[in-house]
């Protein structure tokens, strides 16, 4: 049934890799960060690089970002319960599409990765791994407000890929916290900022670090998630 022209139909943004879901052995549900959508240049290249590594991706948008796409108005992220429920809904949908034999990983850029880690910390049995691209350990300059307490409750393998220049968590700041329980592996990307961009004179570019992050993700899934 085609709706009348005066009725606006809500379409949830959902972008899947070319190989999804046919024969996929592992799938990564990839969430965007607080300020950029699922089809930002960063997310586009990351999904392509992951696909090249044999990791199919499903990208989606949280409700507030969907509203921004609808009307063009910027707005702050939804409250955490809404973000988490949107993530859980994607987990349910993807699992129904790929079946029980596929490894299902969740993750995302910055806030998206943090929400993935919270979902996993709350006992999501269907999650086989968590991948965080630029984890927001704290707000820039707010070293008294760390976002790591829930990580100790994550029981599946968790990978954090972090630029060495990331103001949301630099090497010396993270090291000062000691061992952060729940993080299986922390990989530092040389020269990278929060979006993995590098200084002008650095030998590597943002695209190189995104490619490295995808390669490390694949290695991590093989080493720790039984792929």
Protein backbone atom coordinates (compact mmCIF):
# COMPACT_ATOMS: atom_id res chain seq x y z
CA UNK A 1 0.00 0.00 0.00
CA UNK A 2 1.45 3.40 -1.03
CA UNK A 3 0.79 6.15 1.55
CA UNK A 4 -0.85 9.43 0.48
CA UNK A 5 1.54 12.24 -0.51
CA UNK A 6 0.68 14.27 2.58
CA UNK A 7 1.80 11.52 4.98
CA UNK A 8 5.52 11.43 5.85
CA UNK A 9 6.87 7.92 6.27
CA UNK A 10 9.63 7.42 8.83
CA UNK A 11 12.61 5.63 7.32
CA UNK A 12 15.37 4.57 9.69
CA UNK A 13 18.82 5.06 8.22
CA UNK A 14 20.55 1.70 7.98
CA UNK A 15 23.58 1.09 5.76
CA UNK A 16 24.88 -2.42 5.17
CA UNK A 17 28.05 -3.74 3.55
CA UNK A 18 27.81 -5.33 0.12
CA UNK A 19 28.51 -8.77 1.60
CA UNK A 20 25.77 -8.46 4.24
CA UNK A 21 24.18 -10.77 5.25
CA UNK A 22 24.95 -13.49 2.73
CA UNK A 23 27.45 -15.94 4.18
CA UNK A 24 28.86 -13.43 6.66
CA UNK A 25 30.85 -15.17 9.39
CA UNK A 26 31.18 -12.03 11.45
CA UNK A 27 29.21 -8.78 11.46
CA UNK A 28 29.99 -5.52 13.21
CA UNK A 29 27.10 -3.22 14.12
CA UNK A 30 28.72 0.19 13.83
CA UNK A 31 27.27 3.28 15.53
CA UNK A 32 28.20 6.89 14.79
CA UNK A 33 29.61 9.49 17.16
CA UNK A 34 27.76 12.38 18.77
CA UNK A 35 28.21 14.93 16.01
CA UNK A 36 28.40 13.13 12.67
CA UNK A 37 25.97 10.74 10.93
CA UNK A 38 26.32 7.14 9.83
CA UNK A 39 27.48 8.18 6.36
CA UNK A 40 30.16 10.67 7.41
CA UNK A 41 33.48 10.37 5.52
CA UNK A 42 35.05 8.68 8.56
CA UNK A 43 32.30 6.08 8.81
CA UNK A 44 32.26 5.52 5.05
CA UNK A 45 35.97 4.73 4.89
CA UNK A 46 35.92 2.67 8.07
CA UNK A 47 33.10 0.50 6.73
CA UNK A 48 34.93 0.04 3.41
CA UNK A 49 38.17 -0.93 5.12
CA UNK A 50 36.40 -3.38 7.42
CA UNK A 51 34.61 -4.90 4.44
CA UNK A 52 38.01 -5.32 2.80
CA UNK A 53 39.14 -7.23 5.87
CA UNK A 54 36.16 -9.56 5.63
CA UNK A 55 34.13 -7.89 8.38
CA UNK A 56 30.63 -6.98 7.19
CA UNK A 57 29.14 -3.86 8.78
CA UNK A 58 25.68 -2.59 9.60
CA UNK A 59 25.57 1.15 10.29
CA UNK A 60 22.55 2.83 11.82
CA UNK A 61 21.56 6.20 13.25
CA UNK A 62 20.29 7.04 16.70
CA UNK A 63 16.89 8.80 16.87
CA UNK A 64 18.28 12.32 17.34
CA UNK A 65 20.55 12.02 14.30
CA UNK A 66 17.62 10.73 12.25
CA UNK A 67 15.64 13.82 13.25
CA UNK A 68 18.54 16.00 12.15
CA UNK A 69 18.54 14.25 8.80
CA UNK A 70 14.80 14.87 8.50
CA UNK A 71 14.76 18.60 9.28
CA UNK A 72 18.39 19.73 9.09
CA UNK A 73 18.42 21.02 12.68
CA UNK A 74 21.33 20.06 14.91
CA UNK A 75 20.35 18.72 18.31
CA UNK A 76 22.15 17.03 21.22
CA UNK A 77 22.23 13.23 21.52
CA UNK A 78 19.28 11.42 23.01
CA UNK A 79 19.47 10.42 26.65
CA UNK A 80 21.35 7.21 27.30
CA UNK A 81 18.28 4.93 27.71
CA UNK A 82 17.08 5.87 24.20
CA UNK A 83 20.55 5.36 22.72
CA UNK A 84 20.86 1.94 24.34
CA UNK A 85 17.43 0.80 23.21
CA UNK A 86 18.23 1.84 19.63
CA UNK A 87 21.39 -0.26 19.82
CA UNK A 88 19.55 -3.25 21.28
CA UNK A 89 16.97 -3.05 18.50
CA UNK A 90 19.72 -3.27 15.91
CA UNK A 91 21.21 -6.29 17.69
CA UNK A 92 17.83 -8.03 17.61
CA UNK A 93 17.29 -7.21 13.95
CA UNK A 94 20.77 -8.20 12.79
CA UNK A 95 20.66 -11.47 14.69
CA UNK A 96 17.34 -12.33 13.04
CA UNK A 97 18.92 -11.68 9.65
CA UNK A 98 22.24 -13.53 10.05
CA UNK A 99 21.13 -16.48 12.13
CA UNK A 100 22.76 -18.08 15.17
CA UNK A 101 26.05 -19.12 13.56
CA UNK A 102 27.41 -15.62 12.88
CA UNK A 103 29.69 -13.78 15.31
CA UNK A 104 27.95 -10.52 16.20
CA UNK A 105 30.23 -7.68 17.32
CA UNK A 106 29.10 -4.18 18.24
CA UNK A 107 31.00 -0.93 18.36
CA UNK A 108 31.28 2.53 16.99
CA UNK A 109 32.94 5.90 16.79
CA UNK A 110 33.37 7.75 20.10
CA UNK A 111 29.89 7.91 21.69
CA UNK A 112 28.74 5.02 19.52
CA UNK A 113 31.54 2.84 20.86
CA UNK A 114 30.82 3.90 24.42
CA UNK A 115 27.15 2.97 24.04
CA UNK A 116 28.21 -0.39 22.62
CA UNK A 117 30.35 -1.01 25.70
CA UNK A 118 27.45 -0.08 27.99
CA UNK A 119 25.14 -2.50 26.15
CA UNK A 120 27.74 -5.24 26.58
CA UNK A 121 28.24 -4.38 30.26
CA UNK A 122 24.54 -4.94 30.90
CA UNK A 123 24.74 -8.60 29.96
CA UNK A 124 24.00 -8.73 26.23
CA UNK A 125 24.59 -12.46 25.75
CA UNK A 126 24.30 -12.17 21.97
CA UNK A 127 27.37 -9.91 21.69
CA UNK A 128 30.66 -11.62 20.84
CA UNK A 129 32.98 -8.59 20.93
CA UNK A 130 33.06 -4.81 21.33
CA UNK A 131 35.16 -2.51 19.12
CA UNK A 132 35.61 1.16 20.07
CA UNK A 133 37.08 3.60 17.57
CA UNK A 134 38.24 6.60 19.57
CA UNK A 135 36.86 5.90 23.04
CA UNK A 136 35.77 9.02 25.00
CA UNK A 137 37.49 8.13 28.25
CA UNK A 138 36.69 11.64 29.53
CA UNK A 139 35.63 15.00 28.13
CA UNK A 140 38.61 17.12 27.03
CA UNK A 141 40.19 18.68 30.10
CA UNK A 142 37.81 16.86 32.50
CA UNK A 143 40.25 14.42 34.05
CA UNK A 144 38.08 14.11 37.15
CA UNK A 145 35.20 12.55 35.18
CA UNK A 146 36.21 9.23 33.64
CA UNK A 147 33.77 6.98 31.79
CA UNK A 148 35.29 3.62 32.61
CA UNK A 149 33.46 2.24 35.66
CA UNK A 150 31.08 0.07 33.60
CA UNK A 151 33.88 -1.52 31.57
CA UNK A 152 34.69 -4.00 34.33
CA UNK A 153 31.28 -5.59 33.70
CA UNK A 154 32.01 -6.27 30.02
CA UNK A 155 32.67 -10.01 29.77
CA UNK A 156 33.25 -10.32 26.01
CA UNK A 157 36.50 -9.25 24.31
CA UNK A 158 36.80 -5.45 24.01
CA UNK A 159 39.17 -3.57 21.70
CA UNK A 160 39.89 0.15 21.92
CA UNK A 161 41.62 1.92 19.03
CA UNK A 162 42.84 5.32 20.18
CA UNK A 163 44.84 8.11 18.57
CA UNK A 164 47.88 9.25 20.54
CA UNK A 165 46.69 12.88 20.26
CA UNK A 166 43.09 12.20 21.28
CA UNK A 167 41.96 14.86 23.80
CA UNK A 168 39.34 12.40 25.07
CA UNK A 169 42.11 10.14 26.39
CA UNK A 170 45.83 10.51 25.68
CA UNK A 171 48.40 7.78 26.43
CA UNK A 172 49.80 9.41 29.57
CA UNK A 173 46.30 10.04 30.94
CA UNK A 174 45.09 6.50 30.31
CA UNK A 175 48.32 4.99 31.64
CA UNK A 176 47.88 6.95 34.87
CA UNK A 177 44.62 5.04 35.47
CA UNK A 178 46.55 1.77 35.70
CA UNK A 179 44.98 -1.40 34.35
CA UNK A 180 41.45 -0.67 33.14
CA UNK A 181 39.51 -3.86 33.77
CA UNK A 182 37.35 -4.90 30.87
CA UNK A 183 39.60 -3.66 28.06
CA UNK A 184 41.13 -6.70 26.38
CA UNK A 185 43.38 -4.71 24.06
CA UNK A 186 44.20 -1.02 23.67
CA UNK A 187 45.91 -0.10 20.39
CA UNK A 188 47.43 3.35 20.04
CA UNK A 189 47.38 4.87 16.55
CA UNK A 190 50.40 7.11 16.14
CA UNK A 191 49.60 10.79 15.63
CA UNK A 192 45.86 10.31 15.53
CA UNK A 193 43.38 12.79 16.95
CA UNK A 194 39.85 11.83 18.07
CA UNK A 195 38.89 11.18 14.44
CA UNK A 196 42.32 9.66 13.66
CA UNK A 197 43.41 12.77 11.73
CA UNK A 198 47.16 13.46 11.88
CA UNK A 199 49.35 16.60 11.80
CA UNK A 200 50.33 18.01 8.42
CA UNK A 201 53.94 16.84 8.64
CA UNK A 202 53.13 13.39 10.00
CA UNK A 203 54.17 10.50 7.71
CA UNK A 204 50.72 8.92 8.01
CA UNK A 205 47.34 10.38 7.06
CA UNK A 206 43.91 9.86 8.58
CA UNK A 207 43.09 7.29 5.90
CA UNK A 208 46.17 5.27 6.88
CA UNK A 209 45.09 5.13 10.51
CA UNK A 210 41.54 4.15 9.59
CA UNK A 211 42.97 1.34 7.46
CA UNK A 212 45.22 0.26 10.34
CA UNK A 213 42.23 0.28 12.71
CA UNK A 214 40.32 -2.04 10.37
CA UNK A 215 43.28 -4.42 10.10
CA UNK A 216 43.71 -4.52 13.87
CA UNK A 217 39.97 -5.13 14.27
CA UNK A 218 40.17 -8.19 12.04
CA UNK A 219 43.24 -9.50 13.91
CA UNK A 220 41.48 -8.95 17.23
CA UNK A 221 38.39 -10.87 16.16
CA UNK A 222 40.58 -13.77 15.03
CA UNK A 223 42.70 -13.77 18.18
CA UNK A 224 40.03 -13.17 20.80
CA UNK A 225 36.56 -13.83 19.41
CA UNK A 226 37.02 -17.20 17.74
CA UNK A 227 36.55 -15.99 14.15
